[in-house]
């Protein structure tokens, strides 16, 4: 993805737009080691490389944030960018895998689970519940409660937060962790379908 390119996705019939900016550093929850390959907090290398956008939904239904993730992945694919859908819940990641085929009529998002044996550098959208790609990706779409450990492989992160209180708390903690690393995340309110 181009360094300051914008990844936008329609948020249903409301016409709201989702937009994710660029990425460079890495943040870990307090007391955790910094993710692999991260620049020191506040360093010029970190600030030049990582852009983090939080998409905040009012809805608390898990399907709402999965649909937003599908839209962001589709926008990345259609603009020639590679994406990694990162999640710590393998069951919900399987649901996301299915949803990528059906979330919108006429939509096609080529994707594959990381580690299935295919030449993953050629697959535009990867899904992972723990495996870290060996190559760079343009955007990481994070659905996990923690900051992905593979921030060094991207310059952009899209965090999706819905109305579920536990996910909101985890999202606030990630927002603070990014700021502690010297990254200024942007926040976007998204209306539901």
Protein backbone atom coordinates (compact mmCIF):
# COMPACT_ATOMS: atom_id res chain seq x y z
CA UNK A 1 0.00 0.00 0.00
CA UNK A 2 1.25 3.47 -0.69
CA UNK A 3 2.63 5.16 2.41
CA UNK A 4 -0.16 7.68 2.86
CA UNK A 5 -2.84 5.94 0.82
CA UNK A 6 -6.29 5.74 2.29
CA UNK A 7 -8.20 2.50 2.65
CA UNK A 8 -11.91 3.24 2.82
CA UNK A 9 -14.92 0.98 3.00
CA UNK A 10 -18.59 1.75 2.98
CA UNK A 11 -20.26 1.01 6.27
CA UNK A 12 -23.55 -0.31 5.00
CA UNK A 13 -26.54 1.61 3.82
CA UNK A 14 -25.80 4.56 6.09
CA UNK A 15 -23.11 5.69 3.65
CA UNK A 16 -20.54 6.13 6.43
CA UNK A 17 -16.98 5.65 5.31
CA UNK A 18 -14.17 3.73 6.98
CA UNK A 19 -10.73 5.02 6.41
CA UNK A 20 -7.38 3.72 7.61
CA UNK A 21 -4.11 5.67 7.41
CA UNK A 22 -0.36 4.46 7.49
CA UNK A 23 1.83 2.47 10.01
CA UNK A 24 5.37 2.27 11.44
CA UNK A 25 6.00 1.32 15.05
CA UNK A 26 4.93 -1.27 17.49
CA UNK A 27 3.26 -1.16 20.85
CA UNK A 28 2.89 -3.76 23.52
CA UNK A 29 0.70 -3.72 26.60
CA UNK A 30 2.43 -2.43 29.70
CA UNK A 31 4.89 -4.97 31.07
CA UNK A 32 4.97 -6.93 27.79
CA UNK A 33 8.00 -7.04 25.54
CA UNK A 34 7.74 -4.86 22.45
CA UNK A 35 6.66 -6.79 19.36
CA UNK A 36 9.41 -8.20 17.20
CA UNK A 37 11.20 -5.66 14.98
CA UNK A 38 9.76 -2.53 16.59
CA UNK A 39 11.43 0.81 16.54
CA UNK A 40 12.07 2.50 19.91
CA UNK A 41 9.08 4.54 21.12
CA UNK A 42 9.04 8.04 19.68
CA UNK A 43 11.87 7.35 17.24
CA UNK A 44 11.79 8.93 13.80
CA UNK A 45 11.83 5.45 12.22
CA UNK A 46 8.69 4.51 14.11
CA UNK A 47 6.77 7.70 13.36
CA UNK A 48 7.60 7.55 9.64
CA UNK A 49 6.43 4.01 9.16
CA UNK A 50 3.33 3.17 11.20
CA UNK A 51 -0.14 4.59 10.89
CA UNK A 52 -2.90 3.29 13.15
CA UNK A 53 -6.62 3.88 12.68
CA UNK A 54 -9.33 2.82 15.11
CA UNK A 55 -12.77 2.17 13.60
CA UNK A 56 -15.31 2.46 16.40
CA UNK A 57 -18.76 0.92 15.86
CA UNK A 58 -21.82 1.50 18.01
CA UNK A 59 -23.07 -2.05 17.42
CA UNK A 60 -22.00 -4.80 19.81
CA UNK A 61 -22.92 -7.78 17.59
CA UNK A 62 -19.70 -9.64 16.68
CA UNK A 63 -20.84 -9.87 13.06
CA UNK A 64 -20.72 -6.08 12.69
CA UNK A 65 -16.98 -5.81 13.22
CA UNK A 66 -16.37 -8.84 11.01
CA UNK A 67 -18.32 -7.14 8.18
CA UNK A 68 -16.20 -3.99 8.63
CA UNK A 69 -13.06 -6.16 8.48
CA UNK A 70 -14.34 -7.69 5.22
CA UNK A 71 -14.97 -4.25 3.74
CA UNK A 72 -11.49 -3.03 4.69
CA UNK A 73 -9.91 -6.20 3.25
CA UNK A 74 -11.90 -5.75 0.05
CA UNK A 75 -10.84 -2.11 -0.28
CA UNK A 76 -7.20 -3.08 0.22
CA UNK A 77 -7.48 -5.84 -2.40
CA UNK A 78 -9.25 -3.62 -4.94
CA UNK A 79 -6.56 -0.96 -4.55
CA UNK A 80 -3.76 -3.51 -5.11
CA UNK A 81 -2.70 -3.73 -1.46
CA UNK A 82 -2.01 -6.80 0.62
CA UNK A 83 -3.79 -7.30 3.94
CA UNK A 84 -3.42 -9.52 6.98
CA UNK A 85 -6.57 -10.15 9.03
CA UNK A 86 -5.16 -10.80 12.51
CA UNK A 87 -7.21 -12.44 15.26
CA UNK A 88 -6.49 -14.48 18.38
CA UNK A 89 -9.75 -16.46 18.18
CA UNK A 90 -9.44 -19.31 15.62
CA UNK A 91 -13.22 -19.96 15.66
CA UNK A 92 -14.11 -16.36 14.89
CA UNK A 93 -11.37 -16.31 12.25
CA UNK A 94 -13.07 -19.29 10.56
CA UNK A 95 -16.33 -17.31 10.59
CA UNK A 96 -14.49 -14.40 9.02
CA UNK A 97 -13.08 -16.75 6.36
CA UNK A 98 -16.64 -17.78 5.44
CA UNK A 99 -17.92 -14.22 5.58
CA UNK A 100 -15.28 -13.03 3.11
CA UNK A 101 -17.04 -15.16 0.48
CA UNK A 102 -20.57 -13.99 1.30
CA UNK A 103 -20.56 -10.54 2.94
CA UNK A 104 -21.69 -8.73 -0.20
CA UNK A 105 -23.29 -9.82 -3.48
CA UNK A 106 -20.81 -9.75 -6.33
CA UNK A 107 -17.84 -9.30 -4.03
CA UNK A 108 -14.71 -11.40 -4.44
CA UNK A 109 -11.83 -11.15 -1.99
CA UNK A 110 -9.15 -13.77 -2.66
CA UNK A 111 -7.86 -14.90 0.70
CA UNK A 112 -6.26 -17.78 2.51
CA UNK A 113 -5.29 -18.80 6.02
CA UNK A 114 -1.60 -18.20 6.68
CA UNK A 115 0.35 -21.44 6.90
CA UNK A 116 -1.78 -23.54 4.55
CA UNK A 117 1.15 -24.27 2.26
CA UNK A 118 0.37 -21.83 -0.56
CA UNK A 119 2.90 -19.21 -1.63
CA UNK A 120 1.42 -16.64 0.75
CA UNK A 121 3.26 -13.70 -0.78
CA UNK A 122 1.00 -14.14 -3.82
CA UNK A 123 -2.27 -14.18 -1.83
CA UNK A 124 -3.55 -10.59 -1.41
CA UNK A 125 -5.51 -11.21 1.83
CA UNK A 126 -4.21 -13.51 4.56
CA UNK A 127 -5.92 -14.64 7.76
CA UNK A 128 -3.97 -15.57 10.88
CA UNK A 129 -4.65 -16.51 14.49
CA UNK A 130 -0.98 -16.57 15.45
CA UNK A 131 1.24 -17.33 12.46
CA UNK A 132 3.35 -14.33 11.46
CA UNK A 133 3.92 -13.72 7.75
CA UNK A 134 7.50 -13.92 6.52
CA UNK A 135 6.96 -10.97 4.18
CA UNK A 136 5.66 -7.39 4.36
CA UNK A 137 1.93 -6.66 4.15
CA UNK A 138 0.44 -3.27 3.40
CA UNK A 139 -2.15 -3.31 6.17
CA UNK A 140 -2.92 -5.40 9.25
CA UNK A 141 -6.60 -5.49 10.16
CA UNK A 142 -6.59 -6.33 13.86
CA UNK A 143 -9.53 -8.08 15.51
CA UNK A 144 -7.53 -9.42 18.46
CA UNK A 145 -7.61 -7.87 21.94
CA UNK A 146 -3.84 -7.27 21.82
CA UNK A 147 -1.56 -5.37 19.48
CA UNK A 148 -0.33 -7.74 16.75
CA UNK A 149 3.25 -8.95 17.31
CA UNK A 150 4.08 -8.48 13.61
CA UNK A 151 3.92 -4.69 13.30
CA UNK A 152 7.41 -4.68 11.81
CA UNK A 153 5.87 -6.27 8.69
CA UNK A 154 3.56 -3.35 7.92
CA UNK A 155 3.19 0.40 7.85
CA UNK A 156 -0.51 0.51 8.61
CA UNK A 157 -2.88 -1.01 11.17
CA UNK A 158 -6.67 -0.89 11.22
CA UNK A 159 -8.16 -1.63 14.64
CA UNK A 160 -11.88 -2.47 14.72
CA UNK A 161 -13.78 -1.86 17.96
CA UNK A 162 -17.48 -2.57 18.42
CA UNK A 163 -19.92 -1.72 21.22
CA UNK A 164 -19.05 -4.77 23.34
CA UNK A 165 -17.73 -3.40 26.65
CA UNK A 166 -14.86 -5.91 27.00
CA UNK A 167 -13.68 -5.21 23.44
CA UNK A 168 -13.95 -1.46 24.08
CA UNK A 169 -11.75 -1.77 27.21
CA UNK A 170 -9.19 -3.80 25.25
CA UNK A 171 -9.34 -1.23 22.44
CA UNK A 172 -8.72 1.64 24.87
CA UNK A 173 -5.70 -0.23 26.26
CA UNK A 174 -4.30 -0.70 22.73
CA UNK A 175 -4.93 2.97 21.93
CA UNK A 176 -2.93 3.97 25.04
CA UNK A 177 -0.17 1.47 24.20
CA UNK A 178 0.22 2.91 20.70
CA UNK A 179 0.43 6.42 22.17
CA UNK A 180 3.08 5.27 24.66
CA UNK A 181 5.09 4.14 21.63
CA UNK A 182 4.87 7.62 20.17
CA UNK A 183 2.21 6.73 17.62
CA UNK A 184 -0.84 9.00 17.40
CA UNK A 185 -3.75 6.74 16.37
CA UNK A 186 -6.69 8.25 14.54
CA UNK A 187 -10.24 7.37 15.57
CA UNK A 188 -13.23 7.05 13.22
CA UNK A 189 -16.84 6.51 14.32
CA UNK A 190 -18.63 4.08 12.02
CA UNK A 191 -22.38 3.74 11.73
CA UNK A 192 -23.71 0.20 11.50
CA UNK A 193 -25.45 -1.55 8.64
